[in-house]
Amino acid sequence: MNLLIANAADFIHGNILGNGVTGTMKLAGTAEAFGINVEIHGSEPAQHHMMSAIGNSNYCKIVWVQPDLKCLQMTTEIYTNYANSLDAVDPEGNVDVPSHGVEYD
């Protein structure tokens, strides 16, 4: 909070897994009151849904953009109707959010 009061932050980094949906919405409201954005950590469907509900969030995290990257983190390949890759970004820079949830493979 001190960084916000001192005008020393350009954005706040929110985490749904750490703060939950309610906590993340409160964080977004606080950021908005100080005139900055809240950027959501993570690239799963819940994070994209949260971003679409927050007016002051404009950064979408896309994972696995390096073709040679080998990582032990969870990937979005477990879903049948959700993608999070550069192919998911349209020409205007937008990413669709699944309207009816996601299905596991």
PDB file of N, CA and C in Angstrom:
ATOM      1  N   MET A   1       0.823  -1.187   0.000  1.00  0.00           N
ATOM      2  CA  MET A   1       0.000   0.000   0.000  1.00  0.00           C
ATOM      3  C   MET A   1       0.871   1.256   0.000  1.00  0.00           C
ATOM      4  N   ASN A   2       1.995   1.207   0.708  1.00  0.00           N
ATOM      5  CA  ASN A   2       2.885   2.368   0.762  1.00  0.00           C
ATOM      6  C   ASN A   2       3.404   2.746  -0.625  1.00  0.00           C
ATOM      7  N   LEU A   3       3.666   1.754  -1.468  1.00  0.00           N
ATOM      8  CA  LEU A   3       4.134   2.046  -2.825  1.00  0.00           C
ATOM      9  C   LEU A   3       3.054   2.770  -3.618  1.00  0.00           C
ATOM     10  N   LEU A   4       1.795   2.379  -3.418  1.00  0.00           N
ATOM     11  CA  LEU A   4       0.703   3.049  -4.121  1.00  0.00           C
ATOM     12  C   LEU A   4       0.549   4.489  -3.651  1.00  0.00           C
ATOM     13  N   ILE A   5       0.590   4.686  -2.353  1.00  0.00           N
ATOM     14  CA  ILE A   5       0.451   6.033  -1.787  1.00  0.00           C
ATOM     15  C   ILE A   5       1.592   6.931  -2.266  1.00  0.00           C
ATOM     16  N   ALA A   6       2.790   6.376  -2.391  1.00  0.00           N
ATOM     17  CA  ALA A   6       3.953   7.141  -2.837  1.00  0.00           C
ATOM     18  C   ALA A   6       4.012   7.269  -4.357  1.00  0.00           C
ATOM     19  N   ASN A   7       3.011   6.726  -5.052  1.00  0.00           N
ATOM     20  CA  ASN A   7       2.971   6.751  -6.518  1.00  0.00           C
ATOM     21  C   ASN A   7       4.225   6.098  -7.107  1.00  0.00           C
ATOM     22  N   ALA A   8       4.649   4.991  -6.502  1.00  0.00           N
ATOM     23  CA  ALA A   8       5.876   4.315  -6.899  1.00  0.00           C
ATOM     24  C   ALA A   8       5.626   2.979  -7.589  1.00  0.00           C
ATOM     25  N   ALA A   9       4.393   2.714  -7.990  1.00  0.00           N
ATOM     26  CA  ALA A   9       4.076   1.456  -8.674  1.00  0.00           C
ATOM     27  C   ALA A   9       3.317   1.763  -9.962  1.00  0.00           C
ATOM     28  N   ASP A  10       3.646   1.033 -11.014  1.00  0.00           N
ATOM     29  CA  ASP A  10       2.953   1.212 -12.286  1.00  0.00           C
ATOM     30  C   ASP A  10       1.767   0.272 -12.420  1.00  0.00           C
ATOM     31  N   PHE A  11       1.795  -0.833 -11.687  1.00  0.00           N
ATOM     32  CA  PHE A  11       0.698  -1.795 -11.681  1.00  0.00           C
ATOM     33  C   PHE A  11       0.810  -2.676 -10.451  1.00  0.00           C
ATOM     34  N   ILE A  12      -0.268  -3.428 -10.176  1.00  0.00           N
ATOM     35  CA  ILE A  12      -0.282  -4.419  -9.103  1.00  0.00           C
ATOM     36  C   ILE A  12      -0.402  -5.785  -9.763  1.00  0.00           C
ATOM     37  N   HIS A  13       0.311  -6.755  -9.244  1.00  0.00           N
ATOM     38  CA  HIS A  13       0.265  -8.113  -9.774  1.00  0.00           C
ATOM     39  C   HIS A  13      -0.680  -8.942  -8.909  1.00  0.00           C
ATOM     40  N   GLY A  14      -1.805  -9.371  -9.467  1.00  0.00           N
ATOM     41  CA  GLY A  14      -2.784 -10.162  -8.726  1.00  0.00           C
ATOM     42  C   GLY A  14      -2.619 -11.650  -8.962  1.00  0.00           C
ATOM     43  N   ASN A  15      -3.014 -12.451  -7.985  1.00  0.00           N
ATOM     44  CA  ASN A  15      -2.880 -13.901  -8.073  1.00  0.00           C
ATOM     45  C   ASN A  15      -4.143 -14.546  -7.518  1.00  0.00           C
ATOM     46  N   ILE A  16      -4.937 -15.131  -8.369  1.00  0.00           N
ATOM     47  CA  ILE A  16      -6.195 -15.750  -7.952  1.00  0.00           C
ATOM     48  C   ILE A  16      -5.945 -16.906  -6.994  1.00  0.00           C
ATOM     49  N   LEU A  17      -4.898 -17.685  -7.251  1.00  0.00           N
ATOM     50  CA  LEU A  17      -4.619 -18.824  -6.376  1.00  0.00           C
ATOM     51  C   LEU A  17      -4.247 -18.367  -4.976  1.00  0.00           C
ATOM     52  N   GLY A  18      -3.630 -17.211  -4.857  1.00  0.00           N
ATOM     53  CA  GLY A  18      -3.226 -16.693  -3.551  1.00  0.00           C
ATOM     54  C   GLY A  18      -4.293 -15.842  -2.886  1.00  0.00           C
ATOM     55  N   ASN A  19      -5.004 -15.041  -3.682  1.00  0.00           N
ATOM     56  CA  ASN A  19      -5.972 -14.091  -3.136  1.00  0.00           C
ATOM     57  C   ASN A  19      -7.425 -14.520  -3.307  1.00  0.00           C
ATOM     58  N   GLY A  20      -7.676 -15.523  -4.138  1.00  0.00           N
ATOM     59  CA  GLY A  20      -9.041 -15.913  -4.446  1.00  0.00           C
ATOM     60  C   GLY A  20      -9.700 -14.893  -5.362  1.00  0.00           C
ATOM     61  N   VAL A  21     -10.911 -15.192  -5.803  1.00  0.00           N
ATOM     62  CA  VAL A  21     -11.637 -14.297  -6.700  1.00  0.00           C
ATOM     63  C   VAL A  21     -11.985 -13.001  -5.981  1.00  0.00           C
ATOM     64  N   THR A  22     -12.529 -13.094  -4.784  1.00  0.00           N
ATOM     65  CA  THR A  22     -12.923 -11.893  -4.038  1.00  0.00           C
ATOM     66  C   THR A  22     -11.714 -11.014  -3.729  1.00  0.00           C
ATOM     67  N   GLY A  23     -10.638 -11.606  -3.266  1.00  0.00           N
ATOM     68  CA  GLY A  23      -9.445 -10.834  -2.956  1.00  0.00           C
ATOM     69  C   GLY A  23      -8.859 -10.165  -4.185  1.00  0.00           C
ATOM     70  N   THR A  24      -8.907 -10.858  -5.317  1.00  0.00           N
ATOM     71  CA  THR A  24      -8.380 -10.287  -6.553  1.00  0.00           C
ATOM     72  C   THR A  24      -9.255  -9.130  -7.028  1.00  0.00           C
ATOM     73  N   MET A  25     -10.571  -9.253  -6.877  1.00  0.00           N
ATOM     74  CA  MET A  25     -11.462  -8.145  -7.241  1.00  0.00           C
ATOM     75  C   MET A  25     -11.219  -6.936  -6.336  1.00  0.00           C
ATOM     76  N   LYS A  26     -10.973  -7.180  -5.051  1.00  0.00           N
ATOM     77  CA  LYS A  26     -10.658  -6.080  -4.133  1.00  0.00           C
ATOM     78  C   LYS A  26      -9.337  -5.423  -4.530  1.00  0.00           C
ATOM     79  N   LEU A  27      -8.373  -6.234  -4.910  1.00  0.00           N
ATOM     80  CA  LEU A  27      -7.087  -5.715  -5.358  1.00  0.00           C
ATOM     81  C   LEU A  27      -7.270  -4.853  -6.609  1.00  0.00           C
ATOM     82  N   ALA A  28      -8.110  -5.307  -7.529  1.00  0.00           N
ATOM     83  CA  ALA A  28      -8.382  -4.540  -8.750  1.00  0.00           C
ATOM     84  C   ALA A  28      -9.043  -3.203  -8.407  1.00  0.00           C
ATOM     85  N   GLY A  29      -9.950  -3.204  -7.459  1.00  0.00           N
ATOM     86  CA  GLY A  29     -10.601  -1.969  -7.032  1.00  0.00           C
ATOM     87  C   GLY A  29      -9.616  -0.998  -6.401  1.00  0.00           C
ATOM     88  N   THR A  30      -8.707  -1.523  -5.609  1.00  0.00           N
ATOM     89  CA  THR A  30      -7.676  -0.684  -4.997  1.00  0.00           C
ATOM     90  C   THR A  30      -6.781  -0.087  -6.067  1.00  0.00           C
ATOM     91  N   ALA A  31      -6.368  -0.918  -7.021  1.00  0.00           N
ATOM     92  CA  ALA A  31      -5.522  -0.429  -8.111  1.00  0.00           C
ATOM     93  C   ALA A  31      -6.251   0.657  -8.901  1.00  0.00           C
ATOM     94  N   GLU A  32      -7.516   0.422  -9.180  1.00  0.00           N
ATOM     95  CA  GLU A  32      -8.299   1.408  -9.931  1.00  0.00           C
ATOM     96  C   GLU A  32      -8.386   2.740  -9.178  1.00  0.00           C
ATOM     97  N   ALA A  33      -8.548   2.683  -7.865  1.00  0.00           N
ATOM     98  CA  ALA A  33      -8.621   3.903  -7.060  1.00  0.00           C
ATOM     99  C   ALA A  33      -7.336   4.723  -7.158  1.00  0.00           C
ATOM    100  N   PHE A  34      -6.204   4.042  -7.399  1.00  0.00           N
ATOM    101  CA  PHE A  34      -4.933   4.735  -7.535  1.00  0.00           C
ATOM    102  C   PHE A  34      -4.574   5.000  -9.001  1.00  0.00           C
ATOM    103  N   GLY A  35      -5.474   4.642  -9.912  1.00  0.00           N
ATOM    104  CA  GLY A  35      -5.263   4.924 -11.327  1.00  0.00           C
ATOM    105  C   GLY A  35      -4.287   4.012 -12.025  1.00  0.00           C
ATOM    106  N   ILE A  36      -4.110   2.791 -11.519  1.00  0.00           N
ATOM    107  CA  ILE A  36      -3.203   1.845 -12.159  1.00  0.00           C
ATOM    108  C   ILE A  36      -3.934   0.542 -12.462  1.00  0.00           C
ATOM    109  N   ASN A  37      -3.278  -0.332 -13.205  1.00  0.00           N
ATOM    110  CA  ASN A  37      -3.858  -1.616 -13.581  1.00  0.00           C
ATOM    111  C   ASN A  37      -3.495  -2.712 -12.592  1.00  0.00           C
ATOM    112  N   VAL A  38      -4.298  -3.769 -12.608  1.00  0.00           N
ATOM    113  CA  VAL A  38      -3.953  -4.999 -11.917  1.00  0.00           C
ATOM    114  C   VAL A  38      -3.694  -6.036 -13.010  1.00  0.00           C
ATOM    115  N   GLU A  39      -2.548  -6.657 -12.966  1.00  0.00           N
ATOM    116  CA  GLU A  39      -2.185  -7.673 -13.951  1.00  0.00           C
ATOM    117  C   GLU A  39      -2.270  -9.034 -13.287  1.00  0.00           C
ATOM    118  N   ILE A  40      -3.002  -9.940 -13.909  1.00  0.00           N
ATOM    119  CA  ILE A  40      -3.322 -11.236 -13.310  1.00  0.00           C
ATOM    120  C   ILE A  40      -2.224 -12.250 -13.625  1.00  0.00           C
ATOM    121  N   HIS A  41      -1.725 -12.896 -12.576  1.00  0.00           N
ATOM    122  CA  HIS A  41      -0.704 -13.939 -12.709  1.00  0.00           C
ATOM    123  C   HIS A  41      -1.375 -15.246 -13.109  1.00  0.00           C
ATOM    124  N   GLY A  42      -0.844 -15.906 -14.101  1.00  0.00           N
ATOM    125  CA  GLY A  42      -1.346 -17.208 -14.515  1.00  0.00           C
ATOM    126  C   GLY A  42      -1.975 -17.159 -15.894  1.00  0.00           C
ATOM    127  N   SER A  43      -2.152 -18.329 -16.474  1.00  0.00           N
ATOM    128  CA  SER A  43      -2.652 -18.397 -17.848  1.00  0.00           C
ATOM    129  C   SER A  43      -3.719 -19.466 -18.031  1.00  0.00           C
ATOM    130  N   GLU A  44      -4.407 -19.776 -16.974  1.00  0.00           N
ATOM    131  CA  GLU A  44      -5.475 -20.779 -17.043  1.00  0.00           C
ATOM    132  C   GLU A  44      -6.812 -20.087 -17.312  1.00  0.00           C
ATOM    133  N   PRO A  45      -7.859 -20.840 -17.592  1.00  0.00           N
ATOM    134  CA  PRO A  45      -9.163 -20.232 -17.878  1.00  0.00           C
ATOM    135  C   PRO A  45      -9.678 -19.311 -16.772  1.00  0.00           C
ATOM    136  N   ALA A  46      -9.469 -19.659 -15.509  1.00  0.00           N
ATOM    137  CA  ALA A  46      -9.952 -18.810 -14.412  1.00  0.00           C
ATOM    138  C   ALA A  46      -9.312 -17.429 -14.465  1.00  0.00           C
ATOM    139  N   GLN A  47      -8.038 -17.375 -14.782  1.00  0.00           N
ATOM    140  CA  GLN A  47      -7.353 -16.097 -14.864  1.00  0.00           C
ATOM    141  C   GLN A  47      -7.889 -15.263 -16.023  1.00  0.00           C
ATOM    142  N   HIS A  48      -8.175 -15.902 -17.149  1.00  0.00           N
ATOM    143  CA  HIS A  48      -8.713 -15.167 -18.291  1.00  0.00           C
ATOM    144  C   HIS A  48     -10.127 -14.673 -18.009  1.00  0.00           C
ATOM    145  N   HIS A  49     -10.924 -15.467 -17.315  1.00  0.00           N
ATOM    146  CA  HIS A  49     -12.263 -15.016 -16.927  1.00  0.00           C
ATOM    147  C   HIS A  49     -12.160 -13.824 -15.971  1.00  0.00           C
ATOM    148  N   MET A  50     -11.229 -13.877 -15.039  1.00  0.00           N
ATOM    149  CA  MET A  50     -11.045 -12.778 -14.099  1.00  0.00           C
ATOM    150  C   MET A  50     -10.649 -11.512 -14.842  1.00  0.00           C
ATOM    151  N   MET A  51      -9.722 -11.637 -15.782  1.00  0.00           N
ATOM    152  CA  MET A  51      -9.321 -10.469 -16.569  1.00  0.00           C
ATOM    153  C   MET A  51     -10.496  -9.852 -17.302  1.00  0.00           C
ATOM    154  N   SER A  52     -11.372 -10.687 -17.837  1.00  0.00           N
ATOM    155  CA  SER A  52     -12.503 -10.155 -18.601  1.00  0.00           C
ATOM    156  C   SER A  52     -13.511  -9.443 -17.706  1.00  0.00           C
ATOM    157  N   ALA A  53     -13.453  -9.692 -16.405  1.00  0.00           N
ATOM    158  CA  ALA A  53     -14.370  -9.045 -15.464  1.00  0.00           C
ATOM    159  C   ALA A  53     -13.781  -7.791 -14.834  1.00  0.00           C
ATOM    160  N   ILE A  54     -12.515  -7.519 -15.103  1.00  0.00           N
ATOM    161  CA  ILE A  54     -11.830  -6.371 -14.497  1.00  0.00           C
ATOM    162  C   ILE A  54     -11.552  -5.332 -15.584  1.00  0.00           C
ATOM    163  N   GLY A  55     -12.027  -4.126 -15.385  1.00  0.00           N
ATOM    164  CA  GLY A  55     -11.846  -3.079 -16.380  1.00  0.00           C
ATOM    165  C   GLY A  55     -10.434  -2.536 -16.461  1.00  0.00           C
ATOM    166  N   ASN A  56      -9.682  -2.625 -15.387  1.00  0.00           N
ATOM    167  CA  ASN A  56      -8.325  -2.071 -15.375  1.00  0.00           C
ATOM    168  C   ASN A  56      -7.266  -3.180 -15.385  1.00  0.00           C
ATOM    169  N   SER A  57      -7.474  -4.146 -16.276  1.00  0.00           N
ATOM    170  CA  SER A  57      -6.506  -5.221 -16.492  1.00  0.00           C
ATOM    171  C   SER A  57      -6.356  -5.393 -17.992  1.00  0.00           C
ATOM    172  N   ASN A  58      -5.144  -5.283 -18.502  1.00  0.00           N
ATOM    173  CA  ASN A  58      -4.979  -5.344 -19.959  1.00  0.00           C
ATOM    174  C   ASN A  58      -3.824  -6.216 -20.413  1.00  0.00           C
ATOM    175  N   TYR A  59      -3.248  -6.983 -19.525  1.00  0.00           N
ATOM    176  CA  TYR A  59      -2.094  -7.806 -19.863  1.00  0.00           C
ATOM    177  C   TYR A  59      -2.475  -9.267 -19.727  1.00  0.00           C
ATOM    178  N   CYS A  60      -2.383 -10.011 -20.810  1.00  0.00           N
ATOM    179  CA  CYS A  60      -2.718 -11.436 -20.806  1.00  0.00           C
ATOM    180  C   CYS A  60      -1.438 -12.249 -20.893  1.00  0.00           C
ATOM    181  N   LYS A  61      -1.266 -13.122 -19.941  1.00  0.00           N
ATOM    182  CA  LYS A  61      -0.053 -13.942 -19.910  1.00  0.00           C
ATOM    183  C   LYS A  61      -0.232 -15.137 -20.851  1.00  0.00           C
ATOM    184  N   ILE A  62       0.697 -15.298 -21.771  1.00  0.00           N
ATOM    185  CA  ILE A  62       0.713 -16.430 -22.703  1.00  0.00           C
ATOM    186  C   ILE A  62       1.950 -17.250 -22.373  1.00  0.00           C
ATOM    187  N   VAL A  63       1.754 -18.547 -22.204  1.00  0.00           N
ATOM    188  CA  VAL A  63       2.883 -19.405 -21.841  1.00  0.00           C
ATOM    189  C   VAL A  63       3.347 -20.231 -23.031  1.00  0.00           C
ATOM    190  N   TRP A  64       4.521 -20.776 -22.872  1.00  0.00           N
ATOM    191  CA  TRP A  64       5.107 -21.699 -23.847  1.00  0.00           C
ATOM    192  C   TRP A  64       5.286 -21.062 -25.233  1.00  0.00           C
ATOM    193  N   VAL A  65       5.758 -19.838 -25.308  1.00  0.00           N
ATOM    194  CA  VAL A  65       5.981 -19.212 -26.614  1.00  0.00           C
ATOM    195  C   VAL A  65       7.361 -19.536 -27.171  1.00  0.00           C
ATOM    196  N   GLN A  66       8.246 -20.072 -26.367  1.00  0.00           N
ATOM    197  CA  GLN A  66       9.566 -20.492 -26.820  1.00  0.00           C
ATOM    198  C   GLN A  66       9.458 -21.959 -27.218  1.00  0.00           C
ATOM    199  N   PRO A  67       9.604 -22.282 -28.509  1.00  0.00           N
ATOM    200  CA  PRO A  67       9.367 -23.668 -28.960  1.00  0.00           C
ATOM    201  C   PRO A  67      10.289 -24.704 -28.330  1.00  0.00           C
ATOM    202  N   ASP A  68      11.477 -24.319 -27.892  1.00  0.00           N
ATOM    203  CA  ASP A  68      12.411 -25.277 -27.310  1.00  0.00           C
ATOM    204  C   ASP A  68      12.320 -25.363 -25.794  1.00  0.00           C
ATOM    205  N   LEU A  69      11.359 -24.640 -25.205  1.00  0.00           N
ATOM    206  CA  LEU A  69      11.244 -24.594 -23.749  1.00  0.00           C
ATOM    207  C   LEU A  69      10.711 -25.913 -23.202  1.00  0.00           C
ATOM    208  N   LYS A  70      11.425 -26.481 -22.275  1.00  0.00           N
ATOM    209  CA  LYS A  70      10.983 -27.677 -21.577  1.00  0.00           C
ATOM    210  C   LYS A  70      10.796 -27.297 -20.118  1.00  0.00           C
ATOM    211  N   CYS A  71       9.579 -27.418 -19.606  1.00  0.00           N
ATOM    212  CA  CYS A  71       9.294 -26.956 -18.256  1.00  0.00           C
ATOM    213  C   CYS A  71       8.384 -27.959 -17.560  1.00  0.00           C
ATOM    214  N   LEU A  72       8.492 -28.058 -16.262  1.00  0.00           N
ATOM    215  CA  LEU A  72       7.683 -28.999 -15.497  1.00  0.00           C
ATOM    216  C   LEU A  72       6.381 -28.380 -14.995  1.00  0.00           C
ATOM    217  N   GLN A  73       6.093 -27.129 -15.372  1.00  0.00           N
ATOM    218  CA  GLN A  73       4.855 -26.501 -14.931  1.00  0.00           C
ATOM    219  C   GLN A  73       3.665 -27.086 -15.681  1.00  0.00           C
ATOM    220  N   MET A  74       2.484 -26.839 -15.122  1.00  0.00           N
ATOM    221  CA  MET A  74       1.242 -27.318 -15.740  1.00  0.00           C
ATOM    222  C   MET A  74       1.018 -26.603 -17.068  1.00  0.00           C
ATOM    223  N   THR A  75       0.568 -27.316 -18.064  1.00  0.00           N
ATOM    224  CA  THR A  75       0.270 -26.704 -19.356  1.00  0.00           C
ATOM    225  C   THR A  75      -1.237 -26.691 -19.570  1.00  0.00           C
ATOM    226  N   THR A  76      -1.665 -25.991 -20.602  1.00  0.00           N
ATOM    227  CA  THR A  76      -3.091 -25.936 -20.913  1.00  0.00           C
ATOM    228  C   THR A  76      -3.520 -27.075 -21.829  1.00  0.00           C
ATOM    229  N   GLU A  77      -2.635 -28.021 -22.079  1.00  0.00           N
ATOM    230  CA  GLU A  77      -2.984 -29.149 -22.941  1.00  0.00           C
ATOM    231  C   GLU A  77      -3.963 -30.110 -22.284  1.00  0.00           C
ATOM    232  N   ILE A  78      -4.284 -29.920 -21.016  1.00  0.00           N
ATOM    233  CA  ILE A  78      -5.231 -30.808 -20.342  1.00  0.00           C
ATOM    234  C   ILE A  78      -6.678 -30.473 -20.695  1.00  0.00           C
ATOM    235  N   TYR A  79      -6.890 -29.353 -21.408  1.00  0.00           N
ATOM    236  CA  TYR A  79      -8.237 -28.937 -21.784  1.00  0.00           C
ATOM    237  C   TYR A  79      -8.509 -29.280 -23.246  1.00  0.00           C
ATOM    238  N   THR A  80      -9.762 -29.610 -23.554  1.00  0.00           N
ATOM    239  CA  THR A  80     -10.117 -29.913 -24.939  1.00  0.00           C
ATOM    240  C   THR A  80     -10.600 -28.681 -25.691  1.00  0.00           C
ATOM    241  N   ASN A  81     -11.095 -27.667 -24.996  1.00  0.00           N
ATOM    242  CA  ASN A  81     -11.667 -26.503 -25.680  1.00  0.00           C
ATOM    243  C   ASN A  81     -11.059 -25.185 -25.204  1.00  0.00           C
ATOM    244  N   TYR A  82      -9.795 -25.203 -24.837  1.00  0.00           N
ATOM    245  CA  TYR A  82      -9.139 -23.989 -24.373  1.00  0.00           C
ATOM    246  C   TYR A  82      -7.691 -24.009 -24.824  1.00  0.00           C
ATOM    247  N   ALA A  83      -7.239 -22.905 -25.390  1.00  0.00           N
ATOM    248  CA  ALA A  83      -5.859 -22.806 -25.828  1.00  0.00           C
ATOM    249  C   ALA A  83      -5.243 -21.540 -25.271  1.00  0.00           C
ATOM    250  N   ASN A  84      -3.990 -21.618 -24.928  1.00  0.00           N
ATOM    251  CA  ASN A  84      -3.269 -20.445 -24.452  1.00  0.00           C
ATOM    252  C   ASN A  84      -1.885 -20.477 -25.086  1.00  0.00           C
ATOM    253  N   SER A  85      -1.830 -19.986 -26.305  1.00  0.00           N
ATOM    254  CA  SER A  85      -0.575 -19.929 -27.041  1.00  0.00           C
ATOM    255  C   SER A  85      -0.656 -18.709 -27.949  1.00  0.00           C
ATOM    256  N   LEU A  86       0.384 -18.446 -28.675  1.00  0.00           N
ATOM    257  CA  LEU A  86       0.349 -17.304 -29.587  1.00  0.00           C
ATOM    258  C   LEU A  86      -0.745 -17.453 -30.630  1.00  0.00           C
ATOM    259  N   ASP A  87      -1.109 -18.698 -30.956  1.00  0.00           N
ATOM    260  CA  ASP A  87      -2.193 -18.928 -31.918  1.00  0.00           C
ATOM    261  C   ASP A  87      -3.539 -18.447 -31.393  1.00  0.00           C
ATOM    262  N   ALA A  88      -3.681 -18.318 -30.074  1.00  0.00           N
ATOM    263  CA  ALA A  88      -4.944 -17.893 -29.468  1.00  0.00           C
ATOM    264  C   ALA A  88      -5.144 -16.378 -29.542  1.00  0.00           C
ATOM    265  N   VAL A  89      -4.115 -15.634 -29.927  1.00  0.00           N
ATOM    266  CA  VAL A  89      -4.199 -14.170 -30.000  1.00  0.00           C
ATOM    267  C   VAL A  89      -4.646 -13.770 -31.403  1.00  0.00           C
ATOM    268  N   ASP A  90      -5.752 -12.994 -31.482  1.00  0.00           N
ATOM    269  CA  ASP A  90      -6.246 -12.564 -32.792  1.00  0.00           C
ATOM    270  C   ASP A  90      -5.428 -11.379 -33.315  1.00  0.00           C
ATOM    271  N   PRO A  91      -5.651 -10.963 -34.565  1.00  0.00           N
ATOM    272  CA  PRO A  91      -4.860  -9.869 -35.147  1.00  0.00           C
ATOM    273  C   PRO A  91      -4.920  -8.550 -34.371  1.00  0.00           C
ATOM    274  N   GLU A  92      -5.983  -8.327 -33.608  1.00  0.00           N
ATOM    275  CA  GLU A  92      -6.086  -7.104 -32.813  1.00  0.00           C
ATOM    276  C   GLU A  92      -5.464  -7.250 -31.423  1.00  0.00           C
ATOM    277  N   GLY A  93      -4.912  -8.419 -31.125  1.00  0.00           N
ATOM    278  CA  GLY A  93      -4.269  -8.633 -29.833  1.00  0.00           C
ATOM    279  C   GLY A  93      -5.198  -9.130 -28.751  1.00  0.00           C
ATOM    280  N   ASN A  94      -6.390  -9.607 -29.112  1.00  0.00           N
ATOM    281  CA  ASN A  94      -7.362 -10.110 -28.139  1.00  0.00           C
ATOM    282  C   ASN A  94      -7.287 -11.620 -28.013  1.00  0.00           C
ATOM    283  N   VAL A  95      -7.678 -12.127 -26.845  1.00  0.00           N
ATOM    284  CA  VAL A  95      -7.734 -13.564 -26.587  1.00  0.00           C
ATOM    285  C   VAL A  95      -9.148 -13.901 -26.151  1.00  0.00           C
ATOM    286  N   ASP A  96      -9.751 -14.907 -26.777  1.00  0.00           N
ATOM    287  CA  ASP A  96     -11.097 -15.327 -26.402  1.00  0.00           C
ATOM    288  C   ASP A  96     -11.108 -15.983 -25.029  1.00  0.00           C
ATOM    289  N   VAL A  97     -12.208 -15.803 -24.338  1.00  0.00           N
ATOM    290  CA  VAL A  97     -12.433 -16.452 -23.050  1.00  0.00           C
ATOM    291  C   VAL A  97     -13.555 -17.456 -23.254  1.00  0.00           C
ATOM    292  N   PRO A  98     -13.368 -18.729 -22.872  1.00  0.00           N
ATOM    293  CA  PRO A  98     -14.437 -19.720 -23.046  1.00  0.00           C
ATOM    294  C   PRO A  98     -15.710 -19.271 -22.332  1.00  0.00           C
ATOM    295  N   SER A  99     -16.825 -19.231 -23.055  1.00  0.00           N
ATOM    296  CA  SER A  99     -18.068 -18.723 -22.461  1.00  0.00           C
ATOM    297  C   SER A  99     -18.796 -19.765 -21.625  1.00  0.00           C
ATOM    298  N   HIS A 100     -18.522 -21.031 -21.844  1.00  0.00           N
ATOM    299  CA  HIS A 100     -19.239 -22.076 -21.108  1.00  0.00           C
ATOM    300  C   HIS A 100     -18.291 -22.981 -20.321  1.00  0.00           C
ATOM    301  N   GLY A 101     -17.215 -22.406 -19.828  1.00  0.00           N
ATOM    302  CA  GLY A 101     -16.269 -23.206 -19.077  1.00  0.00           C
ATOM    303  C   GLY A 101     -15.356 -23.999 -19.980  1.00  0.00           C
ATOM    304  N   VAL A 102     -14.603 -24.896 -19.401  1.00  0.00           N
ATOM    305  CA  VAL A 102     -13.663 -25.698 -20.165  1.00  0.00           C
ATOM    306  C   VAL A 102     -13.904 -27.173 -19.879  1.00  0.00           C
ATOM    307  N   GLU A 103     -13.451 -28.004 -20.790  1.00  0.00           N
ATOM    308  CA  GLU A 103     -13.569 -29.447 -20.623  1.00  0.00           C
ATOM    309  C   GLU A 103     -12.179 -30.036 -20.516  1.00  0.00           C
ATOM    310  N   TYR A 104     -12.029 -30.991 -19.606  1.00  0.00           N
ATOM    311  CA  TYR A 104     -10.737 -31.656 -19.445  1.00  0.00           C
ATOM    312  C   TYR A 104     -10.599 -32.778 -20.439  1.00  0.00           C
ATOM    313  N   ASP A 105      -9.383 -33.026 -20.895  1.00  0.00           N
ATOM    314  CA  ASP A 105      -9.086 -34.107 -21.812  1.00  0.00           C
ATOM    315  C   ASP A 105      -8.862 -35.365 -20.992  1.00  0.00           C
TER     316      ASP A 105
END
